Amino acid sequence: MRVSVAGENLDGVAVYAMGRVLGRTNGNDTTIEVPAELLGRGRVPIYATGRAGNGAINSVNAEPVTIEVLEK
């Protein structure tokens, strides 16, 4: 599975699902590849957080996206 994130003036981005980090990067735009097996089957909400400096005031949260992982 690929998750793409884009933003402006960000120092870094982190992508999360089920309370764990799927991937992190420095910069505005990124694509993170995650094996679907790590997510399990069923509906999984994925969300991203970007930062443009230190502290919560410099963070931005994207709207969550829900995907469905199907059995092969």
PDB file of N, CA and C in Angstrom:
ATOM      1  N   MET A   1       0.842  -1.153   0.000  1.00  0.00           N
ATOM      2  CA  MET A   1       0.000   0.000   0.000  1.00  0.00           C
ATOM      3  C   MET A   1       0.896   1.227   0.000  1.00  0.00           C
ATOM      4  N   ARG A   2       0.496   2.248  -0.754  1.00  0.00           N
ATOM      5  CA  ARG A   2       1.238   3.514  -0.787  1.00  0.00           C
ATOM      6  C   ARG A   2       0.361   4.620  -0.230  1.00  0.00           C
ATOM      7  N   VAL A   3       0.952   5.422   0.637  1.00  0.00           N
ATOM      8  CA  VAL A   3       0.274   6.587   1.203  1.00  0.00           C
ATOM      9  C   VAL A   3       1.080   7.809   0.789  1.00  0.00           C
ATOM     10  N   SER A   4       0.432   8.734   0.089  1.00  0.00           N
ATOM     11  CA  SER A   4       1.099   9.967  -0.338  1.00  0.00           C
ATOM     12  C   SER A   4       0.577  11.141   0.474  1.00  0.00           C
ATOM     13  N   VAL A   5       1.504  12.011   0.877  1.00  0.00           N
ATOM     14  CA  VAL A   5       1.171  13.184   1.680  1.00  0.00           C
ATOM     15  C   VAL A   5       1.851  14.392   1.046  1.00  0.00           C
ATOM     16  N   ALA A   6       1.121  15.518   0.978  1.00  0.00           N
ATOM     17  CA  ALA A   6       1.687  16.760   0.441  1.00  0.00           C
ATOM     18  C   ALA A   6       1.261  17.913   1.323  1.00  0.00           C
ATOM     19  N   GLY A   7       2.157  18.857   1.529  1.00  0.00           N
ATOM     20  CA  GLY A   7       1.860  20.039   2.330  1.00  0.00           C
ATOM     21  C   GLY A   7       2.785  21.170   1.926  1.00  0.00           C
ATOM     22  N   GLU A   8       2.634  22.304   2.582  1.00  0.00           N
ATOM     23  CA  GLU A   8       3.488  23.458   2.295  1.00  0.00           C
ATOM     24  C   GLU A   8       4.247  23.865   3.545  1.00  0.00           C
ATOM     25  N   ASN A   9       5.513  24.192   3.375  1.00  0.00           N
ATOM     26  CA  ASN A   9       6.367  24.712   4.452  1.00  0.00           C
ATOM     27  C   ASN A   9       6.483  23.777   5.648  1.00  0.00           C
ATOM     28  N   LEU A  10       6.483  22.477   5.399  1.00  0.00           N
ATOM     29  CA  LEU A  10       6.613  21.511   6.485  1.00  0.00           C
ATOM     30  C   LEU A  10       8.053  21.034   6.613  1.00  0.00           C
ATOM     31  N   ASP A  11       8.477  20.833   7.855  1.00  0.00           N
ATOM     32  CA  ASP A  11       9.797  20.260   8.111  1.00  0.00           C
ATOM     33  C   ASP A  11       9.762  18.742   8.047  1.00  0.00           C
ATOM     34  N   GLY A  12       8.610  18.158   8.343  1.00  0.00           N
ATOM     35  CA  GLY A  12       8.500  16.708   8.335  1.00  0.00           C
ATOM     36  C   GLY A  12       7.059  16.259   8.425  1.00  0.00           C
ATOM     37  N   VAL A  13       6.841  15.007   8.059  1.00  0.00           N
ATOM     38  CA  VAL A  13       5.513  14.403   8.067  1.00  0.00           C
ATOM     39  C   VAL A  13       5.621  13.012   8.669  1.00  0.00           C
ATOM     40  N   ALA A  14       4.610  12.620   9.459  1.00  0.00           N
ATOM     41  CA  ALA A  14       4.508  11.259   9.979  1.00  0.00           C
ATOM     42  C   ALA A  14       3.124  10.726   9.623  1.00  0.00           C
ATOM     43  N   VAL A  15       3.071   9.450   9.236  1.00  0.00           N
ATOM     44  CA  VAL A  15       1.814   8.793   8.887  1.00  0.00           C
ATOM     45  C   VAL A  15       1.566   7.696   9.912  1.00  0.00           C
ATOM     46  N   TYR A  16       0.317   7.640  10.428  1.00  0.00           N
ATOM     47  CA  TYR A  16      -0.040   6.724  11.513  1.00  0.00           C
ATOM     48  C   TYR A  16      -1.237   5.859  11.134  1.00  0.00           C
ATOM     49  N   ALA A  17      -1.293   4.677  11.738  1.00  0.00           N
ATOM     50  CA  ALA A  17      -2.473   3.811  11.692  1.00  0.00           C
ATOM     51  C   ALA A  17      -2.455   2.944  12.937  1.00  0.00           C
ATOM     52  N   MET A  18      -3.605   2.768  13.535  1.00  0.00           N
ATOM     53  CA  MET A  18      -3.764   1.893  14.697  1.00  0.00           C
ATOM     54  C   MET A  18      -2.779   2.215  15.820  1.00  0.00           C
ATOM     55  N   GLY A  19      -2.519   3.500  16.030  1.00  0.00           N
ATOM     56  CA  GLY A  19      -1.653   3.915  17.119  1.00  0.00           C
ATOM     57  C   GLY A  19      -0.173   3.729  16.889  1.00  0.00           C
ATOM     58  N   ARG A  20       0.230   3.379  15.682  1.00  0.00           N
ATOM     59  CA  ARG A  20       1.669   3.231  15.426  1.00  0.00           C
ATOM     60  C   ARG A  20       2.085   4.010  14.187  1.00  0.00           C
ATOM     61  N   VAL A  21       3.346   4.345  14.161  1.00  0.00           N
ATOM     62  CA  VAL A  21       3.904   5.108  13.037  1.00  0.00           C
ATOM     63  C   VAL A  21       4.153   4.161  11.869  1.00  0.00           C
ATOM     64  N   LEU A  22       3.580   4.495  10.715  1.00  0.00           N
ATOM     65  CA  LEU A  22       3.840   3.724   9.500  1.00  0.00           C
ATOM     66  C   LEU A  22       5.092   4.218   8.797  1.00  0.00           C
ATOM     67  N   GLY A  23       5.379   5.505   8.940  1.00  0.00           N
ATOM     68  CA  GLY A  23       6.562   6.071   8.322  1.00  0.00           C
ATOM     69  C   GLY A  23       6.694   7.546   8.630  1.00  0.00           C
ATOM     70  N   ARG A  24       7.913   8.056   8.498  1.00  0.00           N
ATOM     71  CA  ARG A  24       8.224   9.479   8.719  1.00  0.00           C
ATOM     72  C   ARG A  24       9.129   9.951   7.592  1.00  0.00           C
ATOM     73  N   THR A  25       9.086  11.251   7.370  1.00  0.00           N
ATOM     74  CA  THR A  25       9.964  11.824   6.368  1.00  0.00           C
ATOM     75  C   THR A  25      10.247  13.284   6.698  1.00  0.00           C
ATOM     76  N   ASN A  26      11.276  13.822   6.119  1.00  0.00           N
ATOM     77  CA  ASN A  26      11.570  15.253   6.205  1.00  0.00           C
ATOM     78  C   ASN A  26      11.078  15.906   4.929  1.00  0.00           C
ATOM     79  N   GLY A  27      10.537  17.089   5.042  1.00  0.00           N
ATOM     80  CA  GLY A  27      10.094  17.810   3.859  1.00  0.00           C
ATOM     81  C   GLY A  27       8.586  17.823   3.699  1.00  0.00           C
ATOM     82  N   ASN A  28       8.126  18.432   2.600  1.00  0.00           N
ATOM     83  CA  ASN A  28       6.704  18.668   2.349  1.00  0.00           C
ATOM     84  C   ASN A  28       5.955  17.472   1.789  1.00  0.00           C
ATOM     85  N   ASP A  29       6.530  16.814   0.802  1.00  0.00           N
ATOM     86  CA  ASP A  29       5.835  15.760   0.067  1.00  0.00           C
ATOM     87  C   ASP A  29       6.526  14.423   0.290  1.00  0.00           C
ATOM     88  N   THR A  30       5.708  13.378   0.413  1.00  0.00           N
ATOM     89  CA  THR A  30       6.287  12.059   0.592  1.00  0.00           C
ATOM     90  C   THR A  30       5.314  10.983   0.161  1.00  0.00           C
ATOM     91  N   THR A  31       5.838   9.846  -0.175  1.00  0.00           N
ATOM     92  CA  THR A  31       5.049   8.640  -0.376  1.00  0.00           C
ATOM     93  C   THR A  31       5.686   7.560   0.484  1.00  0.00           C
ATOM     94  N   ILE A  32       4.864   6.943   1.315  1.00  0.00           N
ATOM     95  CA  ILE A  32       5.333   5.894   2.219  1.00  0.00           C
ATOM     96  C   ILE A  32       4.722   4.578   1.760  1.00  0.00           C
ATOM     97  N   GLU A  33       5.546   3.548   1.620  1.00  0.00           N
ATOM     98  CA  GLU A  33       5.061   2.228   1.245  1.00  0.00           C
ATOM     99  C   GLU A  33       4.981   1.358   2.488  1.00  0.00           C
ATOM    100  N   VAL A  34       3.816   0.721   2.672  1.00  0.00           N
ATOM    101  CA  VAL A  34       3.563  -0.105   3.853  1.00  0.00           C
ATOM    102  C   VAL A  34       2.978  -1.426   3.384  1.00  0.00           C
ATOM    103  N   PRO A  35       3.545  -2.559   3.818  1.00  0.00           N
ATOM    104  CA  PRO A  35       2.912  -3.837   3.494  1.00  0.00           C
ATOM    105  C   PRO A  35       1.529  -3.926   4.147  1.00  0.00           C
ATOM    106  N   ALA A  36       0.518  -4.269   3.371  1.00  0.00           N
ATOM    107  CA  ALA A  36      -0.854  -4.349   3.885  1.00  0.00           C
ATOM    108  C   ALA A  36      -0.960  -5.339   5.039  1.00  0.00           C
ATOM    109  N   GLU A  37      -0.097  -6.341   5.058  1.00  0.00           N
ATOM    110  CA  GLU A  37      -0.125  -7.339   6.137  1.00  0.00           C
ATOM    111  C   GLU A  37       0.093  -6.702   7.511  1.00  0.00           C
ATOM    112  N   LEU A  38       0.810  -5.572   7.565  1.00  0.00           N
ATOM    113  CA  LEU A  38       1.048  -4.897   8.847  1.00  0.00           C
ATOM    114  C   LEU A  38      -0.220  -4.274   9.409  1.00  0.00           C
ATOM    115  N   LEU A  39      -1.191  -4.013   8.543  1.00  0.00           N
ATOM    116  CA  LEU A  39      -2.409  -3.358   8.975  1.00  0.00           C
ATOM    117  C   LEU A  39      -3.500  -4.342   9.384  1.00  0.00           C
ATOM    118  N   GLY A  40      -3.393  -5.591   8.949  1.00  0.00           N
ATOM    119  CA  GLY A  40      -4.446  -6.561   9.217  1.00  0.00           C
ATOM    120  C   GLY A  40      -5.585  -6.382   8.226  1.00  0.00           C
ATOM    121  N   ARG A  41      -6.620  -7.194   8.380  1.00  0.00           N
ATOM    122  CA  ARG A  41      -7.764  -7.116   7.470  1.00  0.00           C
ATOM    123  C   ARG A  41      -8.839  -6.204   8.040  1.00  0.00           C
ATOM    124  N   GLY A  42      -9.640  -5.664   7.138  1.00  0.00           N
ATOM    125  CA  GLY A  42     -10.755  -4.822   7.551  1.00  0.00           C
ATOM    126  C   GLY A  42     -10.478  -3.348   7.307  1.00  0.00           C
ATOM    127  N   ARG A  43     -11.334  -2.521   7.908  1.00  0.00           N
ATOM    128  CA  ARG A  43     -11.239  -1.069   7.743  1.00  0.00           C
ATOM    129  C   ARG A  43     -10.192  -0.505   8.706  1.00  0.00           C
ATOM    130  N   VAL A  44      -9.305   0.327   8.162  1.00  0.00           N
ATOM    131  CA  VAL A  44      -8.210   0.896   8.940  1.00  0.00           C
ATOM    132  C   VAL A  44      -8.129   2.397   8.685  1.00  0.00           C
ATOM    133  N   PRO A  45      -8.309   3.230   9.731  1.00  0.00           N
ATOM    134  CA  PRO A  45      -8.114   4.668   9.543  1.00  0.00           C
ATOM    135  C   PRO A  45      -6.625   5.017   9.522  1.00  0.00           C
ATOM    136  N   ILE A  46      -6.232   5.849   8.571  1.00  0.00           N
ATOM    137  CA  ILE A  46      -4.848   6.305   8.434  1.00  0.00           C
ATOM    138  C   ILE A  46      -4.868   7.825   8.512  1.00  0.00           C
ATOM    139  N   TYR A  47      -3.909   8.395   9.230  1.00  0.00           N
ATOM    140  CA  TYR A  47      -3.846   9.853   9.310  1.00  0.00           C
ATOM    141  C   TYR A  47      -2.397  10.319   9.303  1.00  0.00           C
ATOM    142  N   ALA A  48      -2.216  11.576   8.952  1.00  0.00           N
ATOM    143  CA  ALA A  48      -0.878  12.156   8.868  1.00  0.00           C
ATOM    144  C   ALA A  48      -0.809  13.415   9.722  1.00  0.00           C
ATOM    145  N   THR A  49       0.371  13.655  10.255  1.00  0.00           N
ATOM    146  CA  THR A  49       0.666  14.865  11.021  1.00  0.00           C
ATOM    147  C   THR A  49       1.903  15.508  10.412  1.00  0.00           C
ATOM    148  N   GLY A  50       1.825  16.803  10.169  1.00  0.00           N
ATOM    149  CA  GLY A  50       2.975  17.542   9.657  1.00  0.00           C
ATOM    150  C   GLY A  50       3.443  18.542  10.695  1.00  0.00           C
ATOM    151  N   ARG A  51       4.714  18.923  10.619  1.00  0.00           N
ATOM    152  CA  ARG A  51       5.228  19.932  11.553  1.00  0.00           C
ATOM    153  C   ARG A  51       6.060  20.954  10.786  1.00  0.00           C
ATOM    154  N   ALA A  52       5.989  22.179  11.282  1.00  0.00           N
ATOM    155  CA  ALA A  52       6.752  23.282  10.684  1.00  0.00           C
ATOM    156  C   ALA A  52       7.473  24.018  11.800  1.00  0.00           C
ATOM    157  N   GLY A  53       8.200  23.283  12.627  1.00  0.00           N
ATOM    158  CA  GLY A  53       8.887  23.842  13.782  1.00  0.00           C
ATOM    159  C   GLY A  53       8.665  22.961  14.990  1.00  0.00           C
ATOM    160  N   ASN A  54       9.014  23.468  16.161  1.00  0.00           N
ATOM    161  CA  ASN A  54       8.879  22.690  17.389  1.00  0.00           C
ATOM    162  C   ASN A  54       7.558  22.977  18.091  1.00  0.00           C
ATOM    163  N   GLY A  55       7.059  21.996  18.802  1.00  0.00           N
ATOM    164  CA  GLY A  55       5.873  22.179  19.623  1.00  0.00           C
ATOM    165  C   GLY A  55       4.569  21.954  18.883  1.00  0.00           C
ATOM    166  N   ALA A  56       3.506  21.736  19.678  1.00  0.00           N
ATOM    167  CA  ALA A  56       2.187  21.448  19.123  1.00  0.00           C
ATOM    168  C   ALA A  56       1.636  22.600  18.292  1.00  0.00           C
ATOM    169  N   ILE A  57       1.997  23.822  18.629  1.00  0.00           N
ATOM    170  CA  ILE A  57       1.478  24.980  17.896  1.00  0.00           C
ATOM    171  C   ILE A  57       1.951  24.987  16.442  1.00  0.00           C
ATOM    172  N   ASN A  58       3.035  24.292  16.148  1.00  0.00           N
ATOM    173  CA  ASN A  58       3.588  24.238  14.796  1.00  0.00           C
ATOM    174  C   ASN A  58       3.242  22.938  14.072  1.00  0.00           C
ATOM    175  N   SER A  59       2.223  22.234  14.555  1.00  0.00           N
ATOM    176  CA  SER A  59       1.805  20.971  13.945  1.00  0.00           C
ATOM    177  C   SER A  59       0.462  21.127  13.252  1.00  0.00           C
ATOM    178  N   VAL A  60       0.245  20.300  12.255  1.00  0.00           N
ATOM    179  CA  VAL A  60      -1.027  20.270  11.541  1.00  0.00           C
ATOM    180  C   VAL A  60      -1.415  18.806  11.344  1.00  0.00           C
ATOM    181  N   ASN A  61      -2.709  18.511  11.509  1.00  0.00           N
ATOM    182  CA  ASN A  61      -3.210  17.148  11.343  1.00  0.00           C
ATOM    183  C   ASN A  61      -4.107  17.077  10.113  1.00  0.00           C
ATOM    184  N   ALA A  62      -3.865  16.091   9.270  1.00  0.00           N
ATOM    185  CA  ALA A  62      -4.710  15.875   8.103  1.00  0.00           C
ATOM    186  C   ALA A  62      -5.975  15.137   8.525  1.00  0.00           C
ATOM    187  N   GLU A  63      -7.019  15.275   7.733  1.00  0.00           N
ATOM    188  CA  GLU A  63      -8.238  14.499   7.963  1.00  0.00           C
ATOM    189  C   GLU A  63      -7.905  13.020   7.788  1.00  0.00           C
ATOM    190  N   PRO A  64      -8.403  12.146   8.673  1.00  0.00           N
ATOM    191  CA  PRO A  64      -8.144  10.717   8.523  1.00  0.00           C
ATOM    192  C   PRO A  64      -8.786  10.165   7.238  1.00  0.00           C
ATOM    193  N   VAL A  65      -8.146   9.154   6.689  1.00  0.00           N
ATOM    194  CA  VAL A  65      -8.664   8.432   5.526  1.00  0.00           C
ATOM    195  C   VAL A  65      -8.814   6.984   5.948  1.00  0.00           C
ATOM    196  N   THR A  66      -9.950   6.381   5.653  1.00  0.00           N
ATOM    197  CA  THR A  66     -10.160   4.983   6.001  1.00  0.00           C
ATOM    198  C   THR A  66     -10.013   4.126   4.753  1.00  0.00           C
ATOM    199  N   ILE A  67      -9.187   3.091   4.868  1.00  0.00           N
ATOM    200  CA  ILE A  67      -9.015   2.134   3.775  1.00  0.00           C
ATOM    201  C   ILE A  67      -9.560   0.799   4.244  1.00  0.00           C
ATOM    202  N   GLU A  68      -9.788  -0.090   3.295  1.00  0.00           N
ATOM    203  CA  GLU A  68     -10.205  -1.437   3.658  1.00  0.00           C
ATOM    204  C   GLU A  68      -9.205  -2.417   3.070  1.00  0.00           C
ATOM    205  N   VAL A  69      -8.623  -3.232   3.955  1.00  0.00           N
ATOM    206  CA  VAL A  69      -7.658  -4.242   3.545  1.00  0.00           C
ATOM    207  C   VAL A  69      -8.423  -5.542   3.390  1.00  0.00           C
ATOM    208  N   LEU A  70      -8.391  -6.094   2.176  1.00  0.00           N
ATOM    209  CA  LEU A  70      -9.121  -7.321   1.870  1.00  0.00           C
ATOM    210  C   LEU A  70      -8.183  -8.512   1.828  1.00  0.00           C
ATOM    211  N   GLU A  71      -8.729  -9.660   2.105  1.00  0.00           N
ATOM    212  CA  GLU A  71      -7.956 -10.905   2.020  1.00  0.00           C
ATOM    213  C   GLU A  71      -7.759 -11.245   0.552  1.00  0.00           C
ATOM    214  N   LYS A  72      -6.577 -11.743   0.220  1.00  0.00           N
ATOM    215  CA  LYS A  72      -6.293 -12.136  -1.172  1.00  0.00           C
ATOM    216  C   LYS A  72      -6.968 -13.423  -1.513  1.00  0.00           C
TER     217      LYS A  72
END
